[in-house]
């Protein structure tokens, strides 16, 4: 169900239809207002539209970099999972080899004991 939330950006009121929580949308609006106001304070020649565009570019850049970072993390996680699966296979192989060696040792020990008993 969409919430209809009124927000204000640079004095203009907008009604946003969203499924997001009202406080979240208002926080976004405050953040945009803060960023745009800071740009306008730094450069008095900058128009409000230009400040909004620069703010949007800044957020788009941050979003794109966050997506790249998330993709990189997903790739790393996939590599780690593959490494863990290989290590698990190697561990299982080592356990089987250990068990095989243990059985061989038991057999050799029994043979040696049998030979000792025959001598004695």
PDB file of N, CA and C in Angstrom:
ATOM      1  N   UNK A   1       0.848  -1.180   0.000  1.00  0.00           N
ATOM      2  CA  UNK A   1       0.000   0.000   0.000  1.00  0.00           C
ATOM      3  C   UNK A   1       0.891   1.239   0.000  1.00  0.00           C
ATOM      4  N   UNK A   2       0.651   2.150  -0.918  1.00  0.00           N
ATOM      5  CA  UNK A   2       1.478   3.337  -1.051  1.00  0.00           C
ATOM      6  C   UNK A   2       1.067   4.404  -0.040  1.00  0.00           C
ATOM      7  N   UNK A   3       2.081   4.981   0.575  1.00  0.00           N
ATOM      8  CA  UNK A   3       1.874   6.136   1.443  1.00  0.00           C
ATOM      9  C   UNK A   3       2.006   7.381   0.577  1.00  0.00           C
ATOM     10  N   UNK A   4       1.203   8.377   0.836  1.00  0.00           N
ATOM     11  CA  UNK A   4       1.336   9.666   0.156  1.00  0.00           C
ATOM     12  C   UNK A   4       1.937  10.630   1.172  1.00  0.00           C
ATOM     13  N   UNK A   5       3.169  11.017   0.906  1.00  0.00           N
ATOM     14  CA  UNK A   5       3.926  11.811   1.869  1.00  0.00           C
ATOM     15  C   UNK A   5       4.281  13.146   1.236  1.00  0.00           C
ATOM     16  N   UNK A   6       3.975  14.222   1.948  1.00  0.00           N
ATOM     17  CA  UNK A   6       4.329  15.555   1.464  1.00  0.00           C
ATOM     18  C   UNK A   6       5.713  15.907   1.988  1.00  0.00           C
ATOM     19  N   UNK A   7       6.577  16.316   1.055  1.00  0.00           N
ATOM     20  CA  UNK A   7       7.916  16.767   1.432  1.00  0.00           C
ATOM     21  C   UNK A   7       8.157  18.122   0.794  1.00  0.00           C
ATOM     22  N   UNK A   8       9.186  18.795   1.283  1.00  0.00           N
ATOM     23  CA  UNK A   8       9.537  20.101   0.744  1.00  0.00           C
ATOM     24  C   UNK A   8      11.006  20.091   0.355  1.00  0.00           C
ATOM     25  N   UNK A   9      11.266  20.467  -0.891  1.00  0.00           N
ATOM     26  CA  UNK A   9      12.636  20.588  -1.393  1.00  0.00           C
ATOM     27  C   UNK A   9      12.797  22.015  -1.901  1.00  0.00           C
ATOM     28  N   UNK A  10      13.711  22.757  -1.301  1.00  0.00           N
ATOM     29  CA  UNK A  10      13.967  24.158  -1.661  1.00  0.00           C
ATOM     30  C   UNK A  10      12.686  24.991  -1.705  1.00  0.00           C
ATOM     31  N   UNK A  11      11.819  24.763  -0.741  1.00  0.00           N
ATOM     32  CA  UNK A  11      10.605  25.557  -0.633  1.00  0.00           C
ATOM     33  C   UNK A  11       9.452  25.071  -1.491  1.00  0.00           C
ATOM     34  N   UNK A  12       9.698  24.138  -2.389  1.00  0.00           N
ATOM     35  CA  UNK A  12       8.618  23.595  -3.223  1.00  0.00           C
ATOM     36  C   UNK A  12       8.101  22.313  -2.577  1.00  0.00           C
ATOM     37  N   UNK A  13       6.770  22.195  -2.551  1.00  0.00           N
ATOM     38  CA  UNK A  13       6.165  21.025  -1.915  1.00  0.00           C
ATOM     39  C   UNK A  13       5.882  19.951  -2.964  1.00  0.00           C
ATOM     40  N   UNK A  14       6.190  18.719  -2.585  1.00  0.00           N
ATOM     41  CA  UNK A  14       5.955  17.567  -3.460  1.00  0.00           C
ATOM     42  C   UNK A  14       5.230  16.496  -2.659  1.00  0.00           C
ATOM     43  N   UNK A  15       4.324  15.789  -3.322  1.00  0.00           N
ATOM     44  CA  UNK A  15       3.671  14.641  -2.702  1.00  0.00           C
ATOM     45  C   UNK A  15       4.257  13.392  -3.343  1.00  0.00           C
ATOM     46  N   UNK A  16       4.803  12.551  -2.499  1.00  0.00           N
ATOM     47  CA  UNK A  16       5.463  11.330  -2.956  1.00  0.00           C
ATOM     48  C   UNK A  16       4.576  10.139  -2.617  1.00  0.00           C
ATOM     49  N   UNK A  17       4.308   9.293  -3.614  1.00  0.00           N
ATOM     50  CA  UNK A  17       3.593   8.034  -3.380  1.00  0.00           C
ATOM     51  C   UNK A  17       4.654   6.941  -3.279  1.00  0.00           C
ATOM     52  N   UNK A  18       4.744   6.322  -2.115  1.00  0.00           N
ATOM     53  CA  UNK A  18       5.796   5.335  -1.886  1.00  0.00           C
ATOM     54  C   UNK A  18       5.350   4.298  -0.864  1.00  0.00           C
ATOM     55  N   UNK A  19       6.006   3.175  -0.902  1.00  0.00           N
ATOM     56  CA  UNK A  19       5.743   2.154   0.122  1.00  0.00           C
ATOM     57  C   UNK A  19       6.711   2.301   1.294  1.00  0.00           C
ATOM     58  N   UNK A  20       7.629   3.250   1.185  1.00  0.00           N
ATOM     59  CA  UNK A  20       8.603   3.480   2.254  1.00  0.00           C
ATOM     60  C   UNK A  20       7.937   4.164   3.447  1.00  0.00           C
ATOM     61  N   UNK A  21       8.592   4.049   4.592  1.00  0.00           N
ATOM     62  CA  UNK A  21       8.101   4.697   5.809  1.00  0.00           C
ATOM     63  C   UNK A  21       8.208   6.219   5.671  1.00  0.00           C
ATOM     64  N   UNK A  22       7.275   6.915   6.263  1.00  0.00           N
ATOM     65  CA  UNK A  22       7.238   8.374   6.168  1.00  0.00           C
ATOM     66  C   UNK A  22       8.523   9.008   6.703  1.00  0.00           C
ATOM     67  N   UNK A  23       8.982   8.549   7.848  1.00  0.00           N
ATOM     68  CA  UNK A  23      10.184   9.148   8.440  1.00  0.00           C
ATOM     69  C   UNK A  23      11.393   8.971   7.522  1.00  0.00           C
ATOM     70  N   UNK A  24      11.473   7.836   6.876  1.00  0.00           N
ATOM     71  CA  UNK A  24      12.582   7.576   5.947  1.00  0.00           C
ATOM     72  C   UNK A  24      12.543   8.572   4.780  1.00  0.00           C
ATOM     73  N   UNK A  25      11.373   8.781   4.200  1.00  0.00           N
ATOM     74  CA  UNK A  25      11.233   9.707   3.072  1.00  0.00           C
ATOM     75  C   UNK A  25      11.543  11.132   3.521  1.00  0.00           C
ATOM     76  N   UNK A  26      11.076  11.491   4.699  1.00  0.00           N
ATOM     77  CA  UNK A  26      11.363  12.841   5.209  1.00  0.00           C
ATOM     78  C   UNK A  26      12.866  13.029   5.464  1.00  0.00           C
ATOM     79  N   UNK A  27      13.506  11.975   5.939  1.00  0.00           N
ATOM     80  CA  UNK A  27      14.956  12.042   6.170  1.00  0.00           C
ATOM     81  C   UNK A  27      15.692  12.242   4.841  1.00  0.00           C
ATOM     82  N   UNK A  28      15.231  11.549   3.793  1.00  0.00           N
ATOM     83  CA  UNK A  28      15.829  11.739   2.466  1.00  0.00           C
ATOM     84  C   UNK A  28      15.662  13.182   1.998  1.00  0.00           C
ATOM     85  N   UNK A  29      14.462  13.730   2.186  1.00  0.00           N
ATOM     86  CA  UNK A  29      14.196  15.114   1.778  1.00  0.00           C
ATOM     87  C   UNK A  29      15.090  16.082   2.543  1.00  0.00           C
ATOM     88  N   UNK A  30      15.251  15.849   3.857  1.00  0.00           N
ATOM     89  CA  UNK A  30      16.132  16.717   4.657  1.00  0.00           C
ATOM     90  C   UNK A  30      17.568  16.641   4.141  1.00  0.00           C
ATOM     91  N   UNK A  31      18.010  15.439   3.813  1.00  0.00           N
ATOM     92  CA  UNK A  31      19.377  15.258   3.315  1.00  0.00           C
ATOM     93  C   UNK A  31      19.574  15.994   1.989  1.00  0.00           C
ATOM     94  N   UNK A  32      18.606  15.881   1.095  1.00  0.00           N
ATOM     95  CA  UNK A  32      18.700  16.590  -0.186  1.00  0.00           C
ATOM     96  C   UNK A  32      18.729  18.091   0.054  1.00  0.00           C
ATOM     97  N   UNK A  33      17.837  18.582   0.906  1.00  0.00           N
ATOM     98  CA  UNK A  33      17.826  20.018   1.217  1.00  0.00           C
ATOM     99  C   UNK A  33      19.162  20.470   1.786  1.00  0.00           C
ATOM    100  N   UNK A  34      19.736  19.679   2.666  1.00  0.00           N
ATOM    101  CA  UNK A  34      21.028  20.026   3.269  1.00  0.00           C
ATOM    102  C   UNK A  34      22.113  20.103   2.205  1.00  0.00           C
ATOM    103  N   UNK A  35      22.180  19.095   1.350  1.00  0.00           N
ATOM    104  CA  UNK A  35      23.214  19.065   0.310  1.00  0.00           C
ATOM    105  C   UNK A  35      23.059  20.236  -0.667  1.00  0.00           C
ATOM    106  N   UNK A  36      21.836  20.484  -1.110  1.00  0.00           N
ATOM    107  CA  UNK A  36      21.589  21.578  -2.055  1.00  0.00           C
ATOM    108  C   UNK A  36      21.903  22.917  -1.396  1.00  0.00           C
ATOM    109  N   UNK A  37      21.487  23.097  -0.161  1.00  0.00           N
ATOM    110  CA  UNK A  37      21.751  24.355   0.555  1.00  0.00           C
ATOM    111  C   UNK A  37      23.244  24.593   0.713  1.00  0.00           C
ATOM    112  N   UNK A  38      23.997  23.546   1.009  1.00  0.00           N
ATOM    113  CA  UNK A  38      25.453  23.690   1.133  1.00  0.00           C
ATOM    114  C   UNK A  38      26.073  24.126  -0.189  1.00  0.00           C
ATOM    115  N   UNK A  39      25.613  23.553  -1.289  1.00  0.00           N
ATOM    116  CA  UNK A  39      26.128  23.968  -2.600  1.00  0.00           C
ATOM    117  C   UNK A  39      25.791  25.430  -2.876  1.00  0.00           C
ATOM    118  N   UNK A  40      24.557  25.825  -2.587  1.00  0.00           N
ATOM    119  CA  UNK A  40      24.143  27.214  -2.826  1.00  0.00           C
ATOM    120  C   UNK A  40      24.904  28.184  -1.929  1.00  0.00           C
ATOM    121  N   UNK A  41      25.202  27.779  -0.697  1.00  0.00           N
ATOM    122  CA  UNK A  41      25.963  28.637   0.218  1.00  0.00           C
ATOM    123  C   UNK A  41      27.400  28.816  -0.265  1.00  0.00           C
ATOM    124  N   UNK A  42      27.975  27.774  -0.859  1.00  0.00           N
ATOM    125  CA  UNK A  42      29.364  27.849  -1.335  1.00  0.00           C
ATOM    126  C   UNK A  42      29.497  28.660  -2.616  1.00  0.00           C
ATOM    127  N   UNK A  43      28.456  28.651  -3.445  1.00  0.00           N
ATOM    128  CA  UNK A  43      28.535  29.350  -4.731  1.00  0.00           C
ATOM    129  C   UNK A  43      27.237  30.119  -4.954  1.00  0.00           C
ATOM    130  N   UNK A  44      27.276  31.409  -4.663  1.00  0.00           N
ATOM    131  CA  UNK A  44      26.080  32.252  -4.766  1.00  0.00           C
ATOM    132  C   UNK A  44      25.587  32.371  -6.207  1.00  0.00           C
ATOM    133  N   UNK A  45      26.451  32.130  -7.181  1.00  0.00           N
ATOM    134  CA  UNK A  45      26.065  32.226  -8.592  1.00  0.00           C
ATOM    135  C   UNK A  45      25.316  30.985  -9.076  1.00  0.00           C
ATOM    136  N   UNK A  46      25.348  29.945  -8.287  1.00  0.00           N
ATOM    137  CA  UNK A  46      24.728  28.680  -8.677  1.00  0.00           C
ATOM    138  C   UNK A  46      23.208  28.782  -8.556  1.00  0.00           C
ATOM    139  N   UNK A  47      22.505  28.362  -9.596  1.00  0.00           N
ATOM    140  CA  UNK A  47      21.038  28.379  -9.543  1.00  0.00           C
ATOM    141  C   UNK A  47      20.549  27.175  -8.733  1.00  0.00           C
ATOM    142  N   UNK A  48      19.343  27.281  -8.177  1.00  0.00           N
ATOM    143  CA  UNK A  48      18.792  26.132  -7.446  1.00  0.00           C
ATOM    144  C   UNK A  48      18.716  24.869  -8.315  1.00  0.00           C
ATOM    145  N   UNK A  49      18.345  25.027  -9.590  1.00  0.00           N
ATOM    146  CA  UNK A  49      18.281  23.857 -10.475  1.00  0.00           C
ATOM    147  C   UNK A  49      19.657  23.237 -10.669  1.00  0.00           C
ATOM    148  N   UNK A  50      20.668  24.072 -10.844  1.00  0.00           N
ATOM    149  CA  UNK A  50      22.029  23.550 -11.012  1.00  0.00           C
ATOM    150  C   UNK A  50      22.472  22.830  -9.740  1.00  0.00           C
ATOM    151  N   UNK A  51      22.129  23.402  -8.583  1.00  0.00           N
ATOM    152  CA  UNK A  51      22.487  22.762  -7.311  1.00  0.00           C
ATOM    153  C   UNK A  51      21.780  21.411  -7.175  1.00  0.00           C
ATOM    154  N   UNK A  52      20.520  21.358  -7.591  1.00  0.00           N
ATOM    155  CA  UNK A  52      19.791  20.086  -7.555  1.00  0.00           C
ATOM    156  C   UNK A  52      20.430  19.059  -8.492  1.00  0.00           C
ATOM    157  N   UNK A  53      20.838  19.516  -9.681  1.00  0.00           N
ATOM    158  CA  UNK A  53      21.477  18.601 -10.639  1.00  0.00           C
ATOM    159  C   UNK A  53      22.803  18.101 -10.088  1.00  0.00           C
ATOM    160  N   UNK A  54      23.604  18.991  -9.521  1.00  0.00           N
ATOM    161  CA  UNK A  54      24.886  18.571  -8.946  1.00  0.00           C
ATOM    162  C   UNK A  54      24.672  17.603  -7.781  1.00  0.00           C
ATOM    163  N   UNK A  55      23.649  17.873  -6.979  1.00  0.00           N
ATOM    164  CA  UNK A  55      23.328  16.965  -5.871  1.00  0.00           C
ATOM    165  C   UNK A  55      22.915  15.599  -6.413  1.00  0.00           C
ATOM    166  N   UNK A  56      22.069  15.603  -7.444  1.00  0.00           N
ATOM    167  CA  UNK A  56      21.639  14.337  -8.052  1.00  0.00           C
ATOM    168  C   UNK A  56      22.836  13.583  -8.625  1.00  0.00           C
ATOM    169  N   UNK A  57      23.763  14.294  -9.278  1.00  0.00           N
ATOM    170  CA  UNK A  57      24.966  13.646  -9.810  1.00  0.00           C
ATOM    171  C   UNK A  57      25.805  13.046  -8.690  1.00  0.00           C
ATOM    172  N   UNK A  58      25.909  13.768  -7.586  1.00  0.00           N
ATOM    173  CA  UNK A  58      26.661  13.252  -6.438  1.00  0.00           C
ATOM    174  C   UNK A  58      26.044  11.975  -5.892  1.00  0.00           C
ATOM    175  N   UNK A  59      24.711  11.972  -5.781  1.00  0.00           N
ATOM    176  CA  UNK A  59      24.038  10.770  -5.287  1.00  0.00           C
ATOM    177  C   UNK A  59      24.128   9.629  -6.297  1.00  0.00           C
ATOM    178  N   UNK A  60      24.023   9.953  -7.585  1.00  0.00           N
ATOM    179  CA  UNK A  60      24.147   8.914  -8.613  1.00  0.00           C
ATOM    180  C   UNK A  60      25.546   8.304  -8.574  1.00  0.00           C
ATOM    181  N   UNK A  61      26.556   9.151  -8.384  1.00  0.00           N
ATOM    182  CA  UNK A  61      27.935   8.668  -8.281  1.00  0.00           C
ATOM    183  C   UNK A  61      28.091   7.750  -7.069  1.00  0.00           C
ATOM    184  N   UNK A  62      27.561   8.183  -5.937  1.00  0.00           N
ATOM    185  CA  UNK A  62      27.634   7.355  -4.724  1.00  0.00           C
ATOM    186  C   UNK A  62      26.906   6.031  -4.919  1.00  0.00           C
ATOM    187  N   UNK A  63      25.748   6.081  -5.557  1.00  0.00           N
ATOM    188  CA  UNK A  63      24.974   4.867  -5.804  1.00  0.00           C
ATOM    189  C   UNK A  63      25.756   3.914  -6.701  1.00  0.00           C
ATOM    190  N   UNK A  64      26.317   4.447  -7.789  1.00  0.00           N
ATOM    191  CA  UNK A  64      27.068   3.618  -8.731  1.00  0.00           C
ATOM    192  C   UNK A  64      28.266   2.976  -8.038  1.00  0.00           C
ATOM    193  N   UNK A  65      28.997   3.763  -7.255  1.00  0.00           N
ATOM    194  CA  UNK A  65      30.160   3.224  -6.541  1.00  0.00           C
ATOM    195  C   UNK A  65      29.733   2.186  -5.500  1.00  0.00           C
ATOM    196  N   UNK A  66      28.610   2.407  -4.848  1.00  0.00           N
ATOM    197  CA  UNK A  66      28.099   1.426  -3.882  1.00  0.00           C
ATOM    198  C   UNK A  66      27.731   0.126  -4.582  1.00  0.00           C
ATOM    199  N   UNK A  67      27.118   0.235  -5.764  1.00  0.00           N
ATOM    200  CA  UNK A  67      26.770  -0.959  -6.540  1.00  0.00           C
ATOM    201  C   UNK A  67      28.031  -1.723  -6.941  1.00  0.00           C
ATOM    202  N   UNK A  68      29.060  -0.991  -7.376  1.00  0.00           N
ATOM    203  CA  UNK A  68      30.319  -1.643  -7.741  1.00  0.00           C
ATOM    204  C   UNK A  68      30.926  -2.340  -6.527  1.00  0.00           C
ATOM    205  N   UNK A  69      30.897  -1.670  -5.399  1.00  0.00           N
ATOM    206  CA  UNK A  69      31.440  -2.243  -4.170  1.00  0.00           C
ATOM    207  C   UNK A  69      30.660  -3.493  -3.767  1.00  0.00           C
ATOM    208  N   UNK A  70      29.345  -3.435  -3.867  1.00  0.00           N
ATOM    209  CA  UNK A  70      28.510  -4.594  -3.528  1.00  0.00           C
ATOM    210  C   UNK A  70      28.793  -5.751  -4.484  1.00  0.00           C
ATOM    211  N   UNK A  71      28.949  -5.448  -5.773  1.00  0.00           N
ATOM    212  CA  UNK A  71      29.281  -6.496  -6.747  1.00  0.00           C
ATOM    213  C   UNK A  71      30.620  -7.130  -6.411  1.00  0.00           C
ATOM    214  N   UNK A  72      31.584  -6.287  -6.039  1.00  0.00           N
ATOM    215  CA  UNK A  72      32.908  -6.798  -5.675  1.00  0.00           C
ATOM    216  C   UNK A  72      32.812  -7.692  -4.437  1.00  0.00           C
ATOM    217  N   UNK A  73      32.038  -7.261  -3.451  1.00  0.00           N
ATOM    218  CA  UNK A  73      31.870  -8.069  -2.237  1.00  0.00           C
ATOM    219  C   UNK A  73      31.188  -9.395  -2.548  1.00  0.00           C
ATOM    220  N   UNK A  74      30.169  -9.352  -3.419  1.00  0.00           N
ATOM    221  CA  UNK A  74      29.497 -10.598  -3.810  1.00  0.00           C
ATOM    222  C   UNK A  74      30.478 -11.536  -4.502  1.00  0.00           C
ATOM    223  N   UNK A  75      31.322 -10.983  -5.355  1.00  0.00           N
ATOM    224  CA  UNK A  75      32.326 -11.788  -6.055  1.00  0.00           C
ATOM    225  C   UNK A  75      33.312 -12.396  -5.065  1.00  0.00           C
ATOM    226  N   UNK A  76      33.770 -11.582  -4.113  1.00  0.00           N
ATOM    227  CA  UNK A  76      34.685 -12.088  -3.088  1.00  0.00           C
ATOM    228  C   UNK A  76      34.019 -13.183  -2.262  1.00  0.00           C
ATOM    229  N   UNK A  77      32.778 -12.970  -1.886  1.00  0.00           N
ATOM    230  CA  UNK A  77      32.049 -13.962  -1.101  1.00  0.00           C
ATOM    231  C   UNK A  77      31.922 -15.265  -1.882  1.00  0.00           C
ATOM    232  N   UNK A  78      31.630 -15.155  -3.160  1.00  0.00           N
ATOM    233  CA  UNK A  78      31.531 -16.343  -4.005  1.00  0.00           C
ATOM    234  C   UNK A  78      32.866 -17.079  -4.045  1.00  0.00           C
ATOM    235  N   UNK A  79      33.964 -16.316  -4.186  1.00  0.00           N
ATOM    236  CA  UNK A  79      35.299 -16.927  -4.180  1.00  0.00           C
ATOM    237  C   UNK A  79      35.569 -17.624  -2.849  1.00  0.00           C
ATOM    238  N   UNK A  80      35.201 -16.969  -1.744  1.00  0.00           N
ATOM    239  CA  UNK A  80      35.427 -17.563  -0.424  1.00  0.00           C
ATOM    240  C   UNK A  80      34.622 -18.852  -0.259  1.00  0.00           C
ATOM    241  N   UNK A  81      33.386 -18.837  -0.753  1.00  0.00           N
ATOM    242  CA  UNK A  81      32.551 -20.034  -0.654  1.00  0.00           C
ATOM    243  C   UNK A  81      33.128 -21.176  -1.487  1.00  0.00           C
ATOM    244  N   UNK A  82      33.647 -20.836  -2.670  1.00  0.00           N
ATOM    245  CA  UNK A  82      34.289 -21.859  -3.504  1.00  0.00           C
ATOM    246  C   UNK A  82      35.531 -22.405  -2.814  1.00  0.00           C
ATOM    247  N   UNK A  83      36.330 -21.515  -2.222  1.00  0.00           N
ATOM    248  CA  UNK A  83      37.524 -21.956  -1.489  1.00  0.00           C
ATOM    249  C   UNK A  83      37.136 -22.865  -0.326  1.00  0.00           C
ATOM    250  N   UNK A  84      36.082 -22.494   0.383  1.00  0.00           N
ATOM    251  CA  UNK A  84      35.628 -23.306   1.519  1.00  0.00           C
ATOM    252  C   UNK A  84      35.153 -24.678   1.039  1.00  0.00           C
ATOM    253  N   UNK A  85      34.465 -24.718  -0.094  1.00  0.00           N
ATOM    254  CA  UNK A  85      33.995 -26.001  -0.629  1.00  0.00           C
ATOM    255  C   UNK A  85      35.181 -26.876  -1.025  1.00  0.00           C
ATOM    256  N   UNK A  86      36.187 -26.259  -1.669  1.00  0.00           N
ATOM    257  CA  UNK A  86      37.396 -27.023  -2.024  1.00  0.00           C
ATOM    258  C   UNK A  86      38.100 -27.529  -0.777  1.00  0.00           C
ATOM    259  N   UNK A  87      38.197 -26.687   0.242  1.00  0.00           N
ATOM    260  CA  UNK A  87      38.855 -27.090   1.491  1.00  0.00           C
ATOM    261  C   UNK A  87      38.087 -28.235   2.150  1.00  0.00           C
ATOM    262  N   UNK A  88      36.761 -28.178   2.089  1.00  0.00           N
ATOM    263  CA  UNK A  88      35.939 -29.244   2.663  1.00  0.00           C
ATOM    264  C   UNK A  88      36.188 -30.563   1.928  1.00  0.00           C
ATOM    265  N   UNK A  89      36.293 -30.500   0.607  1.00  0.00           N
ATOM    266  CA  UNK A  89      36.578 -31.705  -0.187  1.00  0.00           C
ATOM    267  C   UNK A  89      37.958 -32.247   0.162  1.00  0.00           C
ATOM    268  N   UNK A  90      38.942 -31.339   0.268  1.00  0.00           N
ATOM    269  CA  UNK A  90      40.298 -31.765   0.634  1.00  0.00           C
ATOM    270  C   UNK A  90      40.314 -32.391   2.027  1.00  0.00           C
ATOM    271  N   UNK A  91      39.562 -31.816   2.950  1.00  0.00           N
ATOM    272  CA  UNK A  91      39.477 -32.367   4.302  1.00  0.00           C
ATOM    273  C   UNK A  91      38.867 -33.766   4.273  1.00  0.00           C
ATOM    274  N   UNK A  92      37.790 -33.927   3.517  1.00  0.00           N
ATOM    275  CA  UNK A  92      37.169 -35.254   3.400  1.00  0.00           C
ATOM    276  C   UNK A  92      38.144 -36.257   2.792  1.00  0.00           C
ATOM    277  N   UNK A  93      38.884 -35.829   1.762  1.00  0.00           N
ATOM    278  CA  UNK A  93      39.888 -36.709   1.150  1.00  0.00           C
ATOM    279  C   UNK A  93      40.963 -37.087   2.165  1.00  0.00           C
ATOM    280  N   UNK A  94      41.420 -36.101   2.928  1.00  0.00           N
ATOM    281  CA  UNK A  94      42.460 -36.359   3.936  1.00  0.00           C
ATOM    282  C   UNK A  94      41.940 -37.309   5.017  1.00  0.00           C
ATOM    283  N   UNK A  95      40.687 -37.144   5.422  1.00  0.00           N
ATOM    284  CA  UNK A  95      40.108 -38.045   6.429  1.00  0.00           C
ATOM    285  C   UNK A  95      40.023 -39.475   5.896  1.00  0.00           C
ATOM    286  N   UNK A  96      39.615 -39.608   4.629  1.00  0.00           N
ATOM    287  CA  UNK A  96      39.554 -40.952   4.033  1.00  0.00           C
ATOM    288  C   UNK A  96      40.947 -41.570   3.954  1.00  0.00           C
ATOM    289  N   UNK A  97      41.919 -40.767   3.566  1.00  0.00           N
ATOM    290  CA  UNK A  97      43.302 -41.260   3.482  1.00  0.00           C
ATOM    291  C   UNK A  97      43.817 -41.644   4.863  1.00  0.00           C
ATOM    292  N   UNK A  98      43.494 -40.842   5.872  1.00  0.00           N
ATOM    293  CA  UNK A  98      43.894 -41.152   7.238  1.00  0.00           C
ATOM    294  C   UNK A  98      43.264 -42.464   7.697  1.00  0.00           C
ATOM    295  N   UNK A  99      41.986 -42.641   7.415  1.00  0.00           N
ATOM    296  CA  UNK A  99      41.304 -43.880   7.804  1.00  0.00           C
ATOM    297  C   UNK A  99      41.913 -45.078   7.079  1.00  0.00           C
ATOM    298  N   UNK A 100      42.232 -44.907   5.821  1.00  0.00           N
ATOM    299  CA  UNK A 100      42.870 -45.986   5.051  1.00  0.00           C
ATOM    300  C   UNK A 100      44.225 -46.335   5.660  1.00  0.00           C
ATOM    301  N   UNK A 101      45.005 -45.330   6.007  1.00  0.00           N
ATOM    302  CA  UNK A 101      46.319 -45.544   6.618  1.00  0.00           C
ATOM    303  C   UNK A 101      46.164 -46.201   7.984  1.00  0.00           C
ATOM    304  N   UNK A 102      45.157 -45.787   8.750  1.00  0.00           N
ATOM    305  CA  UNK A 102      44.897 -46.373  10.065  1.00  0.00           C
ATOM    306  C   UNK A 102      44.580 -47.873   9.926  1.00  0.00           C
ATOM    307  N   UNK A 103      43.743 -48.217   8.947  1.00  0.00           N
ATOM    308  CA  UNK A 103      43.413 -49.637   8.725  1.00  0.00           C
ATOM    309  C   UNK A 103      44.655 -50.425   8.301  1.00  0.00           C
ATOM    310  N   UNK A 104      45.475 -49.818   7.445  1.00  0.00           N
ATOM    311  CA  UNK A 104      46.706 -50.496   7.022  1.00  0.00           C
ATOM    312  C   UNK A 104      47.641 -50.713   8.206  1.00  0.00           C
ATOM    313  N   UNK A 105      47.733 -49.708   9.083  1.00  0.00           N
ATOM    314  CA  UNK A 105      48.576 -49.825  10.267  1.00  0.00           C
ATOM    315  C   UNK A 105      48.062 -50.936  11.178  1.00  0.00           C
ATOM    316  N   UNK A 106      46.753 -51.002  11.358  1.00  0.00           N
ATOM    317  CA  UNK A 106      46.173 -52.069  12.183  1.00  0.00           C
ATOM    318  C   UNK A 106      46.493 -53.438  11.588  1.00  0.00           C
ATOM    319  N   UNK A 107      46.393 -53.546  10.273  1.00  0.00           N
ATOM    320  CA  UNK A 107      46.683 -54.812   9.608  1.00  0.00           C
ATOM    321  C   UNK A 107      48.146 -55.198   9.780  1.00  0.00           C
ATOM    322  N   UNK A 108      49.041 -54.232   9.585  1.00  0.00           N
ATOM    323  CA  UNK A 108      50.476 -54.494   9.754  1.00  0.00           C
ATOM    324  C   UNK A 108      50.770 -54.862  11.199  1.00  0.00           C
ATOM    325  N   UNK A 109      50.142 -54.170  12.149  1.00  0.00           N
ATOM    326  CA  UNK A 109      50.350 -54.465  13.569  1.00  0.00           C
ATOM    327  C   UNK A 109      49.881 -55.881  13.888  1.00  0.00           C
ATOM    328  N   UNK A 110      48.717 -56.284  13.382  1.00  0.00           N
ATOM    329  CA  UNK A 110      48.209 -57.639  13.622  1.00  0.00           C
ATOM    330  C   UNK A 110      49.122 -58.686  12.989  1.00  0.00           C
ATOM    331  N   UNK A 111      49.611 -58.405  11.788  1.00  0.00           N
ATOM    332  CA  UNK A 111      50.531 -59.342  11.136  1.00  0.00           C
ATOM    333  C   UNK A 111      51.816 -59.488  11.945  1.00  0.00           C
ATOM    334  N   UNK A 112      52.315 -58.359  12.442  1.00  0.00           N
ATOM    335  CA  UNK A 112      53.545 -58.402  13.244  1.00  0.00           C
ATOM    336  C   UNK A 112      53.304 -59.176  14.532  1.00  0.00           C
ATOM    337  N   UNK A 113      52.151 -58.969  15.153  1.00  0.00           N
ATOM    338  CA  UNK A 113      51.832 -59.703  16.384  1.00  0.00           C
ATOM    339  C   UNK A 113      51.709 -61.201  16.099  1.00  0.00           C
ATOM    340  N   UNK A 114      51.088 -61.546  14.988  1.00  0.00           N
ATOM    341  CA  UNK A 114      50.953 -62.960  14.619  1.00  0.00           C
ATOM    342  C   UNK A 114      52.324 -63.595  14.392  1.00  0.00           C
ATOM    343  N   UNK A 115      53.221 -62.864  13.753  1.00  0.00           N
ATOM    344  CA  UNK A 115      54.570 -63.395  13.521  1.00  0.00           C
ATOM    345  C   UNK A 115      55.316 -63.563  14.837  1.00  0.00           C
ATOM    346  N   UNK A 116      55.129 -62.615  15.752  1.00  0.00           N
ATOM    347  CA  UNK A 116      55.775 -62.710  17.068  1.00  0.00           C
ATOM    348  C   UNK A 116      55.241 -63.919  17.830  1.00  0.00           C
ATOM    349  N   UNK A 117      53.945 -64.145  17.736  1.00  0.00           N
ATOM    350  CA  UNK A 117      53.341 -65.278  18.442  1.00  0.00           C
ATOM    351  C   UNK A 117      53.839 -66.606  17.864  1.00  0.00           C
ATOM    352  N   UNK A 118      54.037 -66.671  16.575  1.00  0.00           N
ATOM    353  CA  UNK A 118      54.519 -67.889  15.938  1.00  0.00           C
ATOM    354  C   UNK A 118      55.967 -68.172  16.332  1.00  0.00           C
ATOM    355  N   UNK A 119      56.759 -67.123  16.510  1.00  0.00           N
ATOM    356  CA  UNK A 119      58.159 -67.281  16.911  1.00  0.00           C
ATOM    357  C   UNK A 119      58.242 -67.745  18.350  1.00  0.00           C
ATOM    358  N   UNK A 120      57.368 -67.260  19.133  1.00  0.00           N
ATOM    359  CA  UNK A 120      57.428 -67.466  20.561  1.00  0.00           C
ATOM    360  C   UNK A 120      56.890 -68.714  21.046  1.00  0.00           C
TER     361      UNK A 120
END
